[in-house]
Protein backbone atom coordinates (compact mmCIF):
# COMPACT_ATOMS: atom_id res chain seq x y z
CA UNK A 1 0.00 0.00 0.00
CA UNK A 2 2.90 2.36 0.63
CA UNK A 3 3.58 2.68 -3.12
CA UNK A 4 -0.03 3.41 -4.11
CA UNK A 5 0.81 7.11 -3.97
CA UNK A 6 2.86 6.62 -7.15
CA UNK A 7 -0.26 5.58 -9.06
CA UNK A 8 -2.02 8.79 -8.06
CA UNK A 9 1.10 10.82 -8.80
CA UNK A 10 1.18 9.37 -12.30
CA UNK A 11 -2.52 10.16 -12.74
CA UNK A 12 -1.71 13.75 -11.74
CA UNK A 13 1.00 13.98 -14.37
CA UNK A 14 -1.13 12.36 -17.05
CA UNK A 15 -4.03 14.71 -16.36
CA UNK A 16 -1.74 17.72 -16.44
CA UNK A 17 -0.40 16.68 -19.84
CA UNK A 18 -3.93 16.22 -21.19
CA UNK A 19 -4.90 19.64 -19.79
CA UNK A 20 -1.95 21.21 -21.61
CA UNK A 21 -2.86 19.46 -24.85
CA UNK A 22 -6.49 20.59 -24.51
CA UNK A 23 -5.24 24.15 -23.94
CA UNK A 24 -3.20 23.97 -27.16
CA UNK A 25 -6.34 22.83 -29.01
CA UNK A 26 -8.42 25.68 -27.49
CA UNK A 27 -10.60 23.05 -25.80
CA UNK A 28 -11.04 25.05 -22.61
CA UNK A 29 -13.71 22.94 -20.89
CA UNK A 30 -11.59 19.75 -21.02
CA UNK A 31 -8.50 21.79 -20.13
CA UNK A 32 -10.10 22.98 -16.92
CA UNK A 33 -11.54 19.58 -16.07
CA UNK A 34 -8.19 17.83 -16.48
CA UNK A 35 -6.35 20.62 -14.61
CA UNK A 36 -8.64 20.01 -11.66
CA UNK A 37 -8.04 16.26 -11.73
CA UNK A 38 -4.29 16.82 -11.99
CA UNK A 39 -4.36 18.79 -8.73
CA UNK A 40 -6.86 16.39 -7.15
CA UNK A 41 -4.69 13.34 -7.83
CA UNK A 42 -1.58 15.20 -6.66
CA UNK A 43 -3.38 15.92 -3.38
CA UNK A 44 -4.22 12.23 -2.97
CA UNK A 45 -0.61 11.26 -3.72
CA UNK A 46 0.62 13.68 -1.07
CA UNK A 47 -1.87 12.42 1.52
CA UNK A 48 -0.75 8.84 0.87
CA UNK A 49 2.96 9.64 0.86
CA UNK A 50 3.12 12.14 3.71
CA UNK A 51 0.37 11.10 6.14
CA UNK A 52 -1.27 8.03 7.60
CA UNK A 53 -4.63 9.06 6.13
CA UNK A 54 -6.30 6.46 3.91
CA UNK A 55 -9.71 6.40 2.27
CA UNK A 56 -11.69 3.79 0.38
CA UNK A 57 -13.42 6.32 -1.84
CA UNK A 58 -11.33 9.52 -2.05
CA UNK A 59 -14.38 11.76 -2.36
CA UNK A 60 -13.65 15.25 -3.60
CA UNK A 61 -14.70 17.18 -0.49
CA UNK A 62 -12.93 14.67 1.72
CA UNK A 63 -9.64 15.02 -0.17
CA UNK A 64 -9.89 18.81 -0.11
CA UNK A 65 -10.59 18.88 3.64
CA UNK A 66 -7.93 16.35 4.63
CA UNK A 67 -5.28 17.95 2.43
CA UNK A 68 -5.87 21.31 4.10
CA UNK A 69 -6.23 19.94 7.61
CA UNK A 70 -3.28 17.57 7.60
CA UNK A 71 -0.77 19.10 5.19
CA UNK A 72 -1.42 22.83 5.40
CA UNK A 73 -2.78 23.55 8.88
CA UNK A 74 -1.36 20.73 10.99
CA UNK A 75 1.98 19.85 9.41
CA UNK A 76 2.52 23.05 7.41
CA UNK A 77 4.02 21.14 4.50
CA UNK A 78 2.36 23.43 1.96
CA UNK A 79 1.69 27.19 1.88
CA UNK A 80 -1.74 28.46 2.84
CA UNK A 81 -2.63 29.64 -0.69
CA UNK A 82 -2.89 25.99 -1.73
CA UNK A 83 -5.96 25.55 0.49
CA UNK A 84 -8.14 27.36 -2.04
CA UNK A 85 -6.90 25.66 -5.21
CA UNK A 86 -8.92 22.44 -5.10
CA UNK A 87 -12.24 24.08 -4.13
CA UNK A 88 -11.83 26.80 -6.78
CA UNK A 89 -10.94 24.34 -9.52
CA UNK A 90 -13.69 21.95 -8.41
CA UNK A 91 -16.34 24.65 -8.74
CA UNK A 92 -15.15 25.57 -12.22
CA UNK A 93 -14.95 21.90 -13.19
CA UNK A 94 -18.65 21.54 -12.45
CA UNK A 95 -19.28 24.43 -14.85
CA UNK A 96 -17.02 22.86 -17.47
CA UNK A 97 -18.45 19.36 -17.20
CA UNK A 98 -22.10 19.72 -16.22
CA UNK A 99 -23.50 23.18 -16.96
CA UNK A 100 -24.63 24.63 -20.30
CA UNK A 101 -21.79 27.14 -20.29
CA UNK A 102 -18.24 27.19 -21.58
CA UNK A 103 -15.05 27.99 -19.74
CA UNK A 104 -13.28 31.05 -21.11
CA UNK A 105 -9.72 31.06 -22.34
CA UNK A 106 -8.73 33.19 -19.35
CA UNK A 107 -10.39 30.81 -16.87
CA UNK A 108 -8.72 27.79 -18.46
CA UNK A 109 -5.32 29.48 -18.48
CA UNK A 110 -5.63 30.47 -14.81
CA UNK A 111 -6.74 26.95 -13.85
CA UNK A 112 -3.88 25.36 -15.76
CA UNK A 113 -1.32 27.64 -14.09
CA UNK A 114 -2.79 26.94 -10.63
CA UNK A 115 -2.68 23.19 -11.24
CA UNK A 116 0.91 23.41 -12.47
CA UNK A 117 1.98 25.39 -9.41
CA UNK A 118 0.09 23.05 -7.07
CA UNK A 119 1.82 20.04 -8.62
CA UNK A 120 5.25 21.69 -8.40
CA UNK A 121 4.84 22.16 -4.65
CA UNK A 122 3.61 18.59 -4.20
CA UNK A 123 6.53 17.26 -6.24
CA UNK A 124 9.04 18.99 -3.95
CA UNK A 125 7.29 17.63 -0.85
CA UNK A 126 7.05 14.01 -1.99
CA UNK A 127 10.48 13.75 -3.61
CA UNK A 128 13.04 11.76 -1.65
C-alpha atoms as a PDB file:
ATOM      1  CA  UNK A   1       0.000   0.000   0.000  1.00  0.00           C
ATOM      2  CA  UNK A   2       2.900   2.362   0.630  1.00  0.00           C
ATOM      3  CA  UNK A   3       3.580   2.682  -3.120  1.00  0.00           C
ATOM      4  CA  UNK A   4      -0.029   3.411  -4.111  1.00  0.00           C
ATOM      5  CA  UNK A   5       0.809   7.109  -3.972  1.00  0.00           C
ATOM      6  CA  UNK A   6       2.860   6.623  -7.146  1.00  0.00           C
ATOM      7  CA  UNK A   7      -0.258   5.581  -9.061  1.00  0.00           C
ATOM      8  CA  UNK A   8      -2.019   8.785  -8.057  1.00  0.00           C
ATOM      9  CA  UNK A   9       1.098  10.824  -8.796  1.00  0.00           C
ATOM     10  CA  UNK A  10       1.184   9.369 -12.305  1.00  0.00           C
ATOM     11  CA  UNK A  11      -2.515  10.162 -12.743  1.00  0.00           C
ATOM     12  CA  UNK A  12      -1.714  13.753 -11.735  1.00  0.00           C
ATOM     13  CA  UNK A  13       1.001  13.981 -14.370  1.00  0.00           C
ATOM     14  CA  UNK A  14      -1.129  12.358 -17.053  1.00  0.00           C
ATOM     15  CA  UNK A  15      -4.034  14.709 -16.364  1.00  0.00           C
ATOM     16  CA  UNK A  16      -1.739  17.724 -16.437  1.00  0.00           C
ATOM     17  CA  UNK A  17      -0.396  16.676 -19.844  1.00  0.00           C
ATOM     18  CA  UNK A  18      -3.926  16.216 -21.190  1.00  0.00           C
ATOM     19  CA  UNK A  19      -4.896  19.639 -19.794  1.00  0.00           C
ATOM     20  CA  UNK A  20      -1.948  21.211 -21.614  1.00  0.00           C
ATOM     21  CA  UNK A  21      -2.862  19.461 -24.853  1.00  0.00           C
ATOM     22  CA  UNK A  22      -6.488  20.594 -24.505  1.00  0.00           C
ATOM     23  CA  UNK A  23      -5.242  24.154 -23.942  1.00  0.00           C
ATOM     24  CA  UNK A  24      -3.201  23.970 -27.162  1.00  0.00           C
ATOM     25  CA  UNK A  25      -6.336  22.826 -29.007  1.00  0.00           C
ATOM     26  CA  UNK A  26      -8.421  25.681 -27.494  1.00  0.00           C
ATOM     27  CA  UNK A  27     -10.603  23.045 -25.802  1.00  0.00           C
ATOM     28  CA  UNK A  28     -11.035  25.053 -22.613  1.00  0.00           C
ATOM     29  CA  UNK A  29     -13.714  22.939 -20.887  1.00  0.00           C
ATOM     30  CA  UNK A  30     -11.592  19.748 -21.015  1.00  0.00           C
ATOM     31  CA  UNK A  31      -8.498  21.788 -20.128  1.00  0.00           C
ATOM     32  CA  UNK A  32     -10.099  22.983 -16.920  1.00  0.00           C
ATOM     33  CA  UNK A  33     -11.536  19.577 -16.066  1.00  0.00           C
ATOM     34  CA  UNK A  34      -8.186  17.830 -16.479  1.00  0.00           C
ATOM     35  CA  UNK A  35      -6.353  20.623 -14.613  1.00  0.00           C
ATOM     36  CA  UNK A  36      -8.643  20.008 -11.656  1.00  0.00           C
ATOM     37  CA  UNK A  37      -8.037  16.259 -11.728  1.00  0.00           C
ATOM     38  CA  UNK A  38      -4.288  16.818 -11.989  1.00  0.00           C
ATOM     39  CA  UNK A  39      -4.356  18.792  -8.735  1.00  0.00           C
ATOM     40  CA  UNK A  40      -6.861  16.394  -7.146  1.00  0.00           C
ATOM     41  CA  UNK A  41      -4.687  13.338  -7.832  1.00  0.00           C
ATOM     42  CA  UNK A  42      -1.579  15.198  -6.659  1.00  0.00           C
ATOM     43  CA  UNK A  43      -3.385  15.917  -3.384  1.00  0.00           C
ATOM     44  CA  UNK A  44      -4.222  12.226  -2.967  1.00  0.00           C
ATOM     45  CA  UNK A  45      -0.611  11.260  -3.717  1.00  0.00           C
ATOM     46  CA  UNK A  46       0.622  13.684  -1.072  1.00  0.00           C
ATOM     47  CA  UNK A  47      -1.866  12.417   1.524  1.00  0.00           C
ATOM     48  CA  UNK A  48      -0.750   8.841   0.867  1.00  0.00           C
ATOM     49  CA  UNK A  49       2.964   9.636   0.855  1.00  0.00           C
ATOM     50  CA  UNK A  50       3.124  12.142   3.712  1.00  0.00           C
ATOM     51  CA  UNK A  51       0.372  11.100   6.140  1.00  0.00           C
ATOM     52  CA  UNK A  52      -1.267   8.034   7.598  1.00  0.00           C
ATOM     53  CA  UNK A  53      -4.634   9.058   6.129  1.00  0.00           C
ATOM     54  CA  UNK A  54      -6.296   6.465   3.910  1.00  0.00           C
ATOM     55  CA  UNK A  55      -9.709   6.396   2.270  1.00  0.00           C
ATOM     56  CA  UNK A  56     -11.685   3.793   0.383  1.00  0.00           C
ATOM     57  CA  UNK A  57     -13.424   6.320  -1.840  1.00  0.00           C
ATOM     58  CA  UNK A  58     -11.330   9.521  -2.054  1.00  0.00           C
ATOM     59  CA  UNK A  59     -14.383  11.763  -2.363  1.00  0.00           C
ATOM     60  CA  UNK A  60     -13.652  15.252  -3.603  1.00  0.00           C
ATOM     61  CA  UNK A  61     -14.704  17.177  -0.494  1.00  0.00           C
ATOM     62  CA  UNK A  62     -12.931  14.668   1.722  1.00  0.00           C
ATOM     63  CA  UNK A  63      -9.643  15.018  -0.170  1.00  0.00           C
ATOM     64  CA  UNK A  64      -9.894  18.807  -0.108  1.00  0.00           C
ATOM     65  CA  UNK A  65     -10.589  18.879   3.637  1.00  0.00           C
ATOM     66  CA  UNK A  66      -7.930  16.348   4.635  1.00  0.00           C
ATOM     67  CA  UNK A  67      -5.284  17.949   2.426  1.00  0.00           C
ATOM     68  CA  UNK A  68      -5.865  21.313   4.095  1.00  0.00           C
ATOM     69  CA  UNK A  69      -6.226  19.940   7.609  1.00  0.00           C
ATOM     70  CA  UNK A  70      -3.276  17.566   7.599  1.00  0.00           C
ATOM     71  CA  UNK A  71      -0.771  19.097   5.194  1.00  0.00           C
ATOM     72  CA  UNK A  72      -1.417  22.834   5.402  1.00  0.00           C
ATOM     73  CA  UNK A  73      -2.778  23.555   8.881  1.00  0.00           C
ATOM     74  CA  UNK A  74      -1.359  20.733  10.986  1.00  0.00           C
ATOM     75  CA  UNK A  75       1.981  19.854   9.411  1.00  0.00           C
ATOM     76  CA  UNK A  76       2.520  23.051   7.411  1.00  0.00           C
ATOM     77  CA  UNK A  77       4.015  21.138   4.497  1.00  0.00           C
ATOM     78  CA  UNK A  78       2.358  23.430   1.965  1.00  0.00           C
ATOM     79  CA  UNK A  79       1.694  27.187   1.880  1.00  0.00           C
ATOM     80  CA  UNK A  80      -1.740  28.460   2.841  1.00  0.00           C
ATOM     81  CA  UNK A  81      -2.628  29.642  -0.688  1.00  0.00           C
ATOM     82  CA  UNK A  82      -2.885  25.988  -1.729  1.00  0.00           C
ATOM     83  CA  UNK A  83      -5.958  25.547   0.490  1.00  0.00           C
ATOM     84  CA  UNK A  84      -8.140  27.355  -2.038  1.00  0.00           C
ATOM     85  CA  UNK A  85      -6.897  25.656  -5.207  1.00  0.00           C
ATOM     86  CA  UNK A  86      -8.923  22.438  -5.097  1.00  0.00           C
ATOM     87  CA  UNK A  87     -12.244  24.083  -4.127  1.00  0.00           C
ATOM     88  CA  UNK A  88     -11.826  26.801  -6.775  1.00  0.00           C
ATOM     89  CA  UNK A  89     -10.943  24.341  -9.516  1.00  0.00           C
ATOM     90  CA  UNK A  90     -13.694  21.947  -8.413  1.00  0.00           C
ATOM     91  CA  UNK A  91     -16.336  24.649  -8.736  1.00  0.00           C
ATOM     92  CA  UNK A  92     -15.151  25.574 -12.218  1.00  0.00           C
ATOM     93  CA  UNK A  93     -14.947  21.903 -13.192  1.00  0.00           C
ATOM     94  CA  UNK A  94     -18.654  21.543 -12.452  1.00  0.00           C
ATOM     95  CA  UNK A  95     -19.285  24.427 -14.853  1.00  0.00           C
ATOM     96  CA  UNK A  96     -17.025  22.859 -17.475  1.00  0.00           C
ATOM     97  CA  UNK A  97     -18.449  19.357 -17.196  1.00  0.00           C
ATOM     98  CA  UNK A  98     -22.096  19.724 -16.218  1.00  0.00           C
ATOM     99  CA  UNK A  99     -23.501  23.179 -16.957  1.00  0.00           C
ATOM    100  CA  UNK A 100     -24.629  24.628 -20.305  1.00  0.00           C
ATOM    101  CA  UNK A 101     -21.786  27.144 -20.287  1.00  0.00           C
ATOM    102  CA  UNK A 102     -18.236  27.189 -21.576  1.00  0.00           C
ATOM    103  CA  UNK A 103     -15.047  27.987 -19.737  1.00  0.00           C
ATOM    104  CA  UNK A 104     -13.279  31.050 -21.110  1.00  0.00           C
ATOM    105  CA  UNK A 105      -9.722  31.055 -22.344  1.00  0.00           C
ATOM    106  CA  UNK A 106      -8.727  33.190 -19.346  1.00  0.00           C
ATOM    107  CA  UNK A 107     -10.389  30.811 -16.868  1.00  0.00           C
ATOM    108  CA  UNK A 108      -8.718  27.794 -18.457  1.00  0.00           C
ATOM    109  CA  UNK A 109      -5.323  29.482 -18.478  1.00  0.00           C
ATOM    110  CA  UNK A 110      -5.630  30.467 -14.815  1.00  0.00           C
ATOM    111  CA  UNK A 111      -6.744  26.949 -13.854  1.00  0.00           C
ATOM    112  CA  UNK A 112      -3.885  25.357 -15.764  1.00  0.00           C
ATOM    113  CA  UNK A 113      -1.325  27.643 -14.086  1.00  0.00           C
ATOM    114  CA  UNK A 114      -2.786  26.938 -10.629  1.00  0.00           C
ATOM    115  CA  UNK A 115      -2.682  23.193 -11.239  1.00  0.00           C
ATOM    116  CA  UNK A 116       0.913  23.407 -12.469  1.00  0.00           C
ATOM    117  CA  UNK A 117       1.983  25.393  -9.411  1.00  0.00           C
ATOM    118  CA  UNK A 118       0.088  23.048  -7.073  1.00  0.00           C
ATOM    119  CA  UNK A 119       1.822  20.045  -8.624  1.00  0.00           C
ATOM    120  CA  UNK A 120       5.251  21.690  -8.397  1.00  0.00           C
ATOM    121  CA  UNK A 121       4.835  22.165  -4.649  1.00  0.00           C
ATOM    122  CA  UNK A 122       3.611  18.591  -4.204  1.00  0.00           C
ATOM    123  CA  UNK A 123       6.532  17.263  -6.237  1.00  0.00           C
ATOM    124  CA  UNK A 124       9.035  18.991  -3.954  1.00  0.00           C
ATOM    125  CA  UNK A 125       7.293  17.634  -0.853  1.00  0.00           C
ATOM    126  CA  UNK A 126       7.051  14.010  -1.995  1.00  0.00           C
ATOM    127  CA  UNK A 127      10.481  13.754  -3.614  1.00  0.00           C
ATOM    128  CA  UNK A 128      13.035  11.756  -1.654  1.00  0.00           C
END
